[in-house]
């Protein structure tokens, strides 16, 4: 199977990681739609994180006036996107391809298990140990979304509201770095907004 590739032009794409959530505070892994569509939303701190980062980006001219905002369906992301939408005065579209990485057997367990998954990622980004979604699978679904967005609006600017591993895998791929290094290259803070600018190394 060939490795999915991102669109050539990533200059008008931004990632927004959701703000601090109840799951972050409780230190529990909550990745499934069954658990997180209507639960584990943002904390007051998380709301402020998103509002501040998006407002500062707009004030600094980083984000243009015309934006298309796309969100993961999980509550913490939708709430983050709603705050961004209020600041940017745009509607929100939900796309399941931005959903959190599936953490399989680690669902609703301690977030200490993230390190076990990330250690396995460093050895093999295609692994599915413990029923976890592979980093390669994340890249495939995000790549499909980005190509769809590029076809729908080739000159459009998009802000994609998503989750930690989805963001780190996407940023890693955008820089042309092996997915095994996604946590070292692309880890984002809660509420952080970051441009997805391709910095591919020469072959």
Protein backbone atom coordinates (compact mmCIF):
# COMPACT_ATOMS: atom_id res chain seq x y z
CA UNK A 1 0.00 0.00 0.00
CA UNK A 2 1.35 3.44 -0.93
CA UNK A 3 1.86 6.06 1.76
CA UNK A 4 -0.82 8.81 1.66
CA UNK A 5 0.48 12.21 0.66
CA UNK A 6 -0.74 15.62 1.72
CA UNK A 7 -1.67 18.29 -0.83
CA UNK A 8 1.28 20.22 -2.26
CA UNK A 9 0.04 23.58 -1.00
CA UNK A 10 -0.39 23.66 2.78
CA UNK A 11 0.11 27.40 3.14
CA UNK A 12 -3.52 28.18 4.00
CA UNK A 13 -4.09 25.40 6.51
CA UNK A 14 -4.07 25.79 10.29
CA UNK A 15 -4.51 23.28 13.10
CA UNK A 16 -6.29 24.17 16.33
CA UNK A 17 -5.94 21.68 19.16
CA UNK A 18 -8.93 21.68 21.49
CA UNK A 19 -8.55 23.48 24.81
CA UNK A 20 -8.09 21.78 28.15
CA UNK A 21 -10.88 19.26 28.65
CA UNK A 22 -12.37 17.36 31.57
CA UNK A 23 -10.48 14.30 30.32
CA UNK A 24 -7.18 16.20 30.51
CA UNK A 25 -7.90 17.26 34.09
CA UNK A 26 -9.01 13.77 35.11
CA UNK A 27 -5.97 12.29 33.32
CA UNK A 28 -8.06 9.75 31.48
CA UNK A 29 -7.92 8.65 27.84
CA UNK A 30 -11.25 9.39 26.14
CA UNK A 31 -11.09 8.79 22.40
CA UNK A 32 -14.31 7.11 21.31
CA UNK A 33 -17.36 8.86 19.96
CA UNK A 34 -19.48 6.77 22.31
CA UNK A 35 -17.74 8.33 25.32
CA UNK A 36 -16.92 11.80 24.07
CA UNK A 37 -19.61 13.05 21.68
CA UNK A 38 -21.57 14.64 24.54
CA UNK A 39 -19.18 14.29 27.50
CA UNK A 40 -15.70 15.41 28.59
CA UNK A 41 -16.06 18.94 27.26
CA UNK A 42 -13.88 21.97 27.89
CA UNK A 43 -12.98 23.37 31.28
CA UNK A 44 -13.13 27.15 31.87
CA UNK A 45 -9.35 27.17 31.38
CA UNK A 46 -9.76 25.34 28.09
CA UNK A 47 -12.29 27.86 26.85
CA UNK A 48 -9.95 30.72 27.67
CA UNK A 49 -7.01 28.98 25.98
CA UNK A 50 -8.89 28.70 22.70
CA UNK A 51 -10.34 32.20 22.82
CA UNK A 52 -6.94 33.71 23.55
CA UNK A 53 -5.02 31.85 20.83
CA UNK A 54 -7.58 32.49 18.10
CA UNK A 55 -8.08 36.13 19.09
CA UNK A 56 -4.33 36.76 19.13
CA UNK A 57 -3.90 35.12 15.72
CA UNK A 58 -6.67 37.25 14.23
CA UNK A 59 -5.31 40.45 15.82
CA UNK A 60 -1.82 39.69 14.51
CA UNK A 61 -3.13 39.19 10.97
CA UNK A 62 -2.12 35.53 10.96
CA UNK A 63 -5.67 34.54 10.05
CA UNK A 64 -7.36 36.31 7.15
CA UNK A 65 -10.90 37.64 7.24
CA UNK A 66 -12.30 34.73 5.27
CA UNK A 67 -11.88 31.37 7.02
CA UNK A 68 -13.51 27.96 6.75
CA UNK A 69 -13.65 26.14 10.08
CA UNK A 70 -13.81 22.34 10.28
CA UNK A 71 -14.05 20.36 13.54
CA UNK A 72 -13.81 16.89 14.98
CA UNK A 73 -17.21 15.66 16.18
CA UNK A 74 -16.08 15.12 19.80
CA UNK A 75 -17.52 17.57 22.33
CA UNK A 76 -14.23 19.12 23.40
CA UNK A 77 -13.34 19.90 19.80
CA UNK A 78 -16.82 21.15 18.88
CA UNK A 79 -16.82 23.48 21.88
CA UNK A 80 -13.37 24.75 20.89
CA UNK A 81 -14.52 25.27 17.31
CA UNK A 82 -17.61 27.15 18.54
CA UNK A 83 -15.38 29.58 20.41
CA UNK A 84 -13.18 30.02 17.34
CA UNK A 85 -16.29 30.53 15.22
CA UNK A 86 -17.50 33.26 17.56
CA UNK A 87 -14.16 35.07 17.34
CA UNK A 88 -13.81 34.62 13.58
CA UNK A 89 -17.53 35.06 12.81
CA UNK A 90 -17.75 31.96 10.64
CA UNK A 91 -19.83 28.76 10.74
CA UNK A 92 -18.45 25.37 11.77
CA UNK A 93 -18.52 22.20 9.71
CA UNK A 94 -17.99 18.85 11.46
CA UNK A 95 -15.96 16.11 9.78
CA UNK A 96 -15.37 12.72 11.40
CA UNK A 97 -11.92 12.48 9.79
CA UNK A 98 -10.65 14.93 12.44
CA UNK A 99 -11.82 12.71 15.31
CA UNK A 100 -9.42 11.67 18.08
CA UNK A 101 -7.11 8.72 17.52
CA UNK A 102 -8.75 5.50 18.64
CA UNK A 103 -6.91 4.19 21.70
CA UNK A 104 -8.48 0.74 21.76
CA UNK A 105 -7.97 -1.14 25.01
CA UNK A 106 -6.74 2.03 26.71
CA UNK A 107 -10.10 3.79 26.36
CA UNK A 108 -11.14 5.29 29.72
CA UNK A 109 -7.85 4.28 31.36
CA UNK A 110 -5.05 6.42 32.81
CA UNK A 111 -3.34 8.81 30.43
CA UNK A 112 -0.05 7.23 31.51
CA UNK A 113 -0.83 4.70 28.77
CA UNK A 114 -0.21 7.35 26.11
CA UNK A 115 3.52 6.80 26.63
CA UNK A 116 3.14 3.10 25.87
CA UNK A 117 1.45 3.90 22.56
CA UNK A 118 3.96 6.59 21.63
CA UNK A 119 6.87 4.29 22.41
CA UNK A 120 5.39 1.70 20.06
CA UNK A 121 4.85 4.45 17.44
CA UNK A 122 8.57 5.25 17.53
CA UNK A 123 9.32 1.62 16.69
CA UNK A 124 6.58 1.22 14.08
CA UNK A 125 4.04 3.92 13.11
CA UNK A 126 1.86 1.28 11.45
CA UNK A 127 1.38 -0.71 14.67
CA UNK A 128 -2.08 -1.47 16.03
CA UNK A 129 -1.09 -2.92 19.39
CA UNK A 130 -3.86 -2.90 22.02
CA UNK A 131 -6.37 -2.18 19.24
CA UNK A 132 -4.97 1.34 18.85
CA UNK A 133 -5.42 3.20 15.57
CA UNK A 134 -2.06 3.47 13.82
CA UNK A 135 -0.35 6.75 13.07
CA UNK A 136 -0.38 5.72 9.41
CA UNK A 137 -4.17 5.34 9.54
CA UNK A 138 -4.52 8.82 11.01
CA UNK A 139 -2.46 10.24 8.16
CA UNK A 140 -4.62 8.44 5.59
CA UNK A 141 -7.90 9.92 6.84
CA UNK A 142 -6.50 13.43 7.36
CA UNK A 143 -4.85 13.37 3.94
CA UNK A 144 -8.17 12.43 2.33
CA UNK A 145 -9.85 15.34 4.12
CA UNK A 146 -7.21 17.85 3.07
CA UNK A 147 -7.42 16.78 -0.56
CA UNK A 148 -11.22 17.16 -0.42
CA UNK A 149 -10.88 20.64 1.06
CA UNK A 150 -8.34 21.65 -1.58
CA UNK A 151 -10.69 20.50 -4.34
CA UNK A 152 -13.68 22.27 -2.81
CA UNK A 153 -11.91 25.62 -2.37
CA UNK A 154 -8.39 25.73 -3.87
CA UNK A 155 -7.73 29.26 -2.56
CA UNK A 156 -9.53 28.88 0.77
CA UNK A 157 -8.01 29.16 4.23
CA UNK A 158 -9.00 26.41 6.66
CA UNK A 159 -8.74 26.04 10.42
CA UNK A 160 -9.04 22.40 11.48
CA UNK A 161 -10.03 21.81 15.10
CA UNK A 162 -8.76 18.44 16.23
CA UNK A 163 -6.86 16.41 18.84
CA UNK A 164 -3.28 15.87 19.97
CA UNK A 165 -2.16 12.82 18.01
CA UNK A 166 -4.12 13.78 14.91
CA UNK A 167 -2.38 17.15 14.95
CA UNK A 168 1.09 15.74 15.64
CA UNK A 169 0.85 13.13 12.88
CA UNK A 170 -0.35 15.75 10.39
CA UNK A 171 2.38 18.23 11.32
CA UNK A 172 4.99 15.49 11.09
CA UNK A 173 3.84 14.51 7.61
CA UNK A 174 3.77 18.14 6.51
CA UNK A 175 7.44 18.46 7.41
CA UNK A 176 8.38 15.29 5.55
CA UNK A 177 9.55 13.60 8.74
CA UNK A 178 8.98 9.91 9.49
CA UNK A 179 5.71 9.35 11.36
CA UNK A 180 7.65 7.49 14.04
CA UNK A 181 8.75 10.94 15.23
CA UNK A 182 5.31 12.54 15.38
CA UNK A 183 5.34 13.23 19.12
CA UNK A 184 8.81 14.77 18.90
CA UNK A 185 7.99 16.95 15.88
CA UNK A 186 4.34 17.91 16.16
CA UNK A 187 3.12 17.84 19.77
CA UNK A 188 0.75 20.78 20.38
CA UNK A 189 -0.46 22.36 23.61
CA UNK A 190 -4.13 22.61 24.55
CA UNK A 191 -5.75 25.48 22.70
CA UNK A 192 -2.73 26.05 20.47
CA UNK A 193 -3.21 27.30 16.90
CA UNK A 194 -0.45 26.41 14.48
CA UNK A 195 0.08 26.87 10.75
CA UNK A 196 0.48 23.68 8.78
CA UNK A 197 3.30 24.87 6.55
CA UNK A 198 5.14 22.30 4.52
CA UNK A 199 8.86 22.17 5.26
CA UNK A 200 9.69 19.03 3.36
CA UNK A 201 13.39 18.21 3.23
CA UNK A 202 14.95 17.75 -0.21
CA UNK A 203 15.01 14.09 -1.28
